[in-house]
Amino acid sequence: MTKQALVIELTGGKIGSTNVDEKITITIPKFRVQKREEGADLDDLVEETIDFVAEYDDTDGTIKIEVKNDVDGYAAEVGSGS
């Protein structure tokens, strides 16, 4: 199966009074589509369902997420302890 990289970039407004945009970039170095289906037209929008596999890459890992905004840091949360 053909494996390629997938990069999704979401861009928001400017950060404060700078000329820099808020941005989230999701990178999957080795990505392949398992199954793809198009759905019915909903208010002139086409629904698409894609099942995919992200594979581990020795150099780049599995998934990399970069966030650019005006927040200094985030608290990491692991699990959902009950």
N, C-alpha and C. Protein backbone atom coordinates (compact mmCIF):
# COMPACT_ATOMS: atom_id res chain seq x y z
N MET A 1 0.84 -1.19 0.00
CA MET A 1 0.00 0.00 0.00
C MET A 1 0.88 1.25 0.00
N THR A 2 0.40 2.26 -0.68
CA THR A 2 1.15 3.50 -0.76
C THR A 2 1.03 4.29 0.55
N LYS A 3 2.16 4.69 1.09
CA LYS A 3 2.18 5.48 2.32
C LYS A 3 2.74 6.86 1.99
N GLN A 4 2.05 7.88 2.45
CA GLN A 4 2.49 9.24 2.24
C GLN A 4 2.35 10.01 3.53
N ALA A 5 2.88 11.21 3.57
CA ALA A 5 2.71 12.08 4.74
C ALA A 5 1.40 12.83 4.60
N LEU A 6 0.78 13.13 5.74
CA LEU A 6 -0.43 13.95 5.78
C LEU A 6 -0.16 15.12 6.71
N VAL A 7 -0.42 16.33 6.24
CA VAL A 7 -0.27 17.53 7.06
C VAL A 7 -1.59 18.29 7.03
N ILE A 8 -2.15 18.54 8.22
CA ILE A 8 -3.38 19.32 8.36
C ILE A 8 -3.00 20.60 9.08
N GLU A 9 -3.35 21.75 8.51
CA GLU A 9 -3.00 23.04 9.12
C GLU A 9 -4.28 23.85 9.32
N LEU A 10 -4.53 24.23 10.56
CA LEU A 10 -5.68 25.06 10.92
C LEU A 10 -5.15 26.42 11.34
N THR A 11 -5.61 27.48 10.68
CA THR A 11 -5.09 28.82 10.94
C THR A 11 -6.21 29.70 11.47
N GLY A 12 -5.89 30.46 12.54
CA GLY A 12 -6.87 31.36 13.15
C GLY A 12 -6.47 32.80 12.96
N GLY A 13 -6.90 33.64 13.87
CA GLY A 13 -6.62 35.07 13.81
C GLY A 13 -5.21 35.41 14.24
N LYS A 14 -4.90 36.67 14.21
CA LYS A 14 -3.58 37.16 14.61
C LYS A 14 -3.38 37.00 16.12
N ILE A 15 -2.14 36.77 16.52
CA ILE A 15 -1.80 36.67 17.94
C ILE A 15 -1.54 38.08 18.46
N GLY A 16 -2.42 38.54 19.34
CA GLY A 16 -2.28 39.89 19.92
C GLY A 16 -2.13 40.94 18.83
N SER A 17 -1.15 41.83 18.98
CA SER A 17 -0.96 42.90 18.00
C SER A 17 0.16 42.54 17.01
N THR A 18 0.52 41.25 16.96
CA THR A 18 1.57 40.82 16.03
C THR A 18 0.99 40.56 14.65
N ASN A 19 1.84 40.22 13.74
CA ASN A 19 1.40 39.85 12.40
C ASN A 19 1.50 38.33 12.23
N VAL A 20 1.48 37.59 13.36
CA VAL A 20 1.62 36.14 13.35
C VAL A 20 0.26 35.50 13.61
N ASP A 21 -0.12 34.52 12.78
CA ASP A 21 -1.40 33.84 12.93
C ASP A 21 -1.33 32.73 13.97
N GLU A 22 -2.44 32.53 14.71
CA GLU A 22 -2.59 31.33 15.54
C GLU A 22 -2.62 30.15 14.57
N LYS A 23 -2.05 29.02 15.00
CA LYS A 23 -2.00 27.91 14.07
C LYS A 23 -1.85 26.59 14.81
N ILE A 24 -2.53 25.57 14.31
CA ILE A 24 -2.34 24.19 14.77
C ILE A 24 -1.95 23.38 13.54
N THR A 25 -0.81 22.67 13.62
CA THR A 25 -0.36 21.84 12.52
C THR A 25 -0.25 20.40 13.01
N ILE A 26 -0.93 19.50 12.32
CA ILE A 26 -0.90 18.07 12.65
C ILE A 26 -0.18 17.37 11.51
N THR A 27 0.91 16.66 11.85
CA THR A 27 1.70 15.97 10.83
C THR A 27 1.73 14.48 11.13
N ILE A 28 1.37 13.68 10.14
CA ILE A 28 1.45 12.22 10.22
C ILE A 28 2.43 11.79 9.12
N PRO A 29 3.67 11.41 9.50
CA PRO A 29 4.69 11.09 8.49
C PRO A 29 4.37 9.91 7.59
N LYS A 30 3.78 8.84 8.14
CA LYS A 30 3.40 7.67 7.34
C LYS A 30 1.91 7.43 7.52
N PHE A 31 1.17 7.67 6.46
CA PHE A 31 -0.29 7.67 6.50
C PHE A 31 -0.78 6.87 5.31
N ARG A 32 -1.79 6.01 5.54
CA ARG A 32 -2.41 5.33 4.40
C ARG A 32 -3.90 5.20 4.64
N VAL A 33 -4.66 5.28 3.58
CA VAL A 33 -6.12 5.20 3.63
C VAL A 33 -6.53 3.73 3.56
N GLN A 34 -7.35 3.31 4.52
CA GLN A 34 -7.89 1.96 4.51
C GLN A 34 -9.19 1.89 3.70
N LYS A 35 -10.06 2.89 3.93
CA LYS A 35 -11.39 2.89 3.33
C LYS A 35 -11.86 4.33 3.23
N ARG A 36 -12.53 4.66 2.13
CA ARG A 36 -13.03 6.02 1.91
C ARG A 36 -14.44 5.95 1.33
N GLU A 37 -15.37 6.72 1.91
CA GLU A 37 -16.76 6.75 1.43
C GLU A 37 -17.25 8.18 1.38
N GLU A 38 -18.01 8.50 0.32
CA GLU A 38 -18.67 9.80 0.24
C GLU A 38 -20.12 9.62 0.61
N GLY A 39 -20.64 10.59 1.39
CA GLY A 39 -22.02 10.53 1.84
C GLY A 39 -22.92 11.45 1.03
N ALA A 40 -24.17 11.52 1.45
CA ALA A 40 -25.17 12.35 0.78
C ALA A 40 -24.86 13.83 0.94
N ASP A 41 -25.37 14.62 0.04
CA ASP A 41 -25.18 16.07 0.06
C ASP A 41 -26.08 16.66 1.14
N LEU A 42 -25.49 17.36 2.10
CA LEU A 42 -26.23 17.99 3.18
C LEU A 42 -26.09 19.50 3.08
N ASP A 43 -27.15 20.19 2.65
CA ASP A 43 -27.10 21.65 2.51
C ASP A 43 -25.88 22.09 1.69
N ASP A 44 -25.68 21.46 0.53
CA ASP A 44 -24.58 21.77 -0.38
C ASP A 44 -23.21 21.40 0.20
N LEU A 45 -23.17 20.53 1.20
CA LEU A 45 -21.91 20.01 1.75
C LEU A 45 -21.84 18.52 1.47
N VAL A 46 -20.67 18.04 1.16
CA VAL A 46 -20.48 16.61 0.92
C VAL A 46 -19.80 16.01 2.14
N GLU A 47 -20.37 14.96 2.65
CA GLU A 47 -19.80 14.26 3.81
C GLU A 47 -18.86 13.17 3.30
N GLU A 48 -17.69 13.07 3.90
CA GLU A 48 -16.72 12.06 3.51
C GLU A 48 -16.20 11.36 4.76
N THR A 49 -16.18 10.04 4.74
CA THR A 49 -15.66 9.26 5.85
C THR A 49 -14.40 8.56 5.38
N ILE A 50 -13.30 8.74 6.13
CA ILE A 50 -12.03 8.14 5.75
C ILE A 50 -11.48 7.37 6.94
N ASP A 51 -11.30 6.06 6.77
CA ASP A 51 -10.62 5.24 7.77
C ASP A 51 -9.15 5.20 7.37
N PHE A 52 -8.25 5.53 8.31
CA PHE A 52 -6.85 5.57 7.95
C PHE A 52 -5.98 4.93 9.03
N VAL A 53 -4.75 4.65 8.66
CA VAL A 53 -3.75 4.09 9.57
C VAL A 53 -2.56 5.04 9.58
N ALA A 54 -2.10 5.40 10.77
CA ALA A 54 -0.88 6.18 10.94
C ALA A 54 0.17 5.22 11.47
N GLU A 55 1.27 5.07 10.73
CA GLU A 55 2.30 4.12 11.13
C GLU A 55 3.48 4.83 11.76
N TYR A 56 4.15 4.15 12.66
CA TYR A 56 5.34 4.69 13.32
C TYR A 56 6.48 4.80 12.32
N ASP A 57 7.21 5.91 12.40
CA ASP A 57 8.39 6.13 11.57
C ASP A 57 9.58 6.33 12.51
N ASP A 58 10.69 5.60 12.30
CA ASP A 58 11.86 5.68 13.18
C ASP A 58 12.41 7.09 13.33
N THR A 59 12.31 7.89 12.28
CA THR A 59 12.84 9.25 12.31
C THR A 59 11.84 10.26 12.85
N ASP A 60 10.60 10.18 12.38
CA ASP A 60 9.60 11.22 12.69
C ASP A 60 8.52 10.81 13.68
N GLY A 61 8.53 9.57 14.18
CA GLY A 61 7.50 9.14 15.12
C GLY A 61 6.19 8.82 14.41
N THR A 62 5.07 8.96 15.12
CA THR A 62 3.76 8.65 14.56
C THR A 62 2.98 9.91 14.21
N ILE A 63 2.75 10.77 15.19
CA ILE A 63 1.99 12.00 14.96
C ILE A 63 2.67 13.15 15.70
N LYS A 64 2.80 14.27 15.04
CA LYS A 64 3.38 15.47 15.64
C LYS A 64 2.33 16.57 15.57
N ILE A 65 2.08 17.24 16.69
CA ILE A 65 1.12 18.33 16.74
C ILE A 65 1.83 19.57 17.26
N GLU A 66 1.77 20.65 16.48
CA GLU A 66 2.39 21.92 16.87
C GLU A 66 1.28 22.96 17.03
N VAL A 67 1.34 23.70 18.14
CA VAL A 67 0.36 24.75 18.41
C VAL A 67 1.11 26.07 18.54
N LYS A 68 0.64 27.08 17.80
CA LYS A 68 1.24 28.42 17.89
C LYS A 68 0.13 29.38 18.32
N ASN A 69 0.25 29.93 19.55
CA ASN A 69 -0.73 30.89 20.06
C ASN A 69 -0.07 31.72 21.15
N ASP A 70 -0.87 32.43 21.93
CA ASP A 70 -0.29 33.29 22.97
C ASP A 70 -0.37 32.67 24.37
N VAL A 71 -0.57 31.36 24.47
CA VAL A 71 -0.60 30.66 25.75
C VAL A 71 0.81 30.18 26.06
N ASP A 72 1.31 30.47 27.26
CA ASP A 72 2.66 30.09 27.65
C ASP A 72 2.87 28.59 27.74
N GLY A 73 1.88 27.85 28.21
CA GLY A 73 2.04 26.41 28.36
C GLY A 73 0.72 25.76 28.71
N TYR A 74 0.70 24.45 28.62
CA TYR A 74 -0.50 23.68 28.92
C TYR A 74 -0.15 22.59 29.92
N ALA A 75 -1.09 22.25 30.79
CA ALA A 75 -0.90 21.14 31.71
C ALA A 75 -1.23 19.86 30.95
N ALA A 76 -0.37 18.86 31.06
CA ALA A 76 -0.61 17.58 30.38
C ALA A 76 -1.55 16.75 31.22
N GLU A 77 -2.50 16.10 30.57
CA GLU A 77 -3.44 15.22 31.28
C GLU A 77 -3.32 13.84 30.65
N VAL A 78 -3.02 12.85 31.46
CA VAL A 78 -2.89 11.48 30.98
C VAL A 78 -3.95 10.64 31.66
N GLY A 79 -4.72 9.92 30.87
CA GLY A 79 -5.77 9.07 31.43
C GLY A 79 -6.95 9.89 31.92
N SER A 80 -7.94 9.22 32.46
CA SER A 80 -9.13 9.91 32.95
C SER A 80 -9.51 9.36 34.30
N GLY A 81 -8.56 9.33 35.23
CA GLY A 81 -8.78 8.74 36.56
C GLY A 81 -10.17 8.97 37.11
N SER A 82 -10.77 7.89 37.63
CA SER A 82 -12.12 8.02 38.19
C SER A 82 -12.09 7.89 39.67
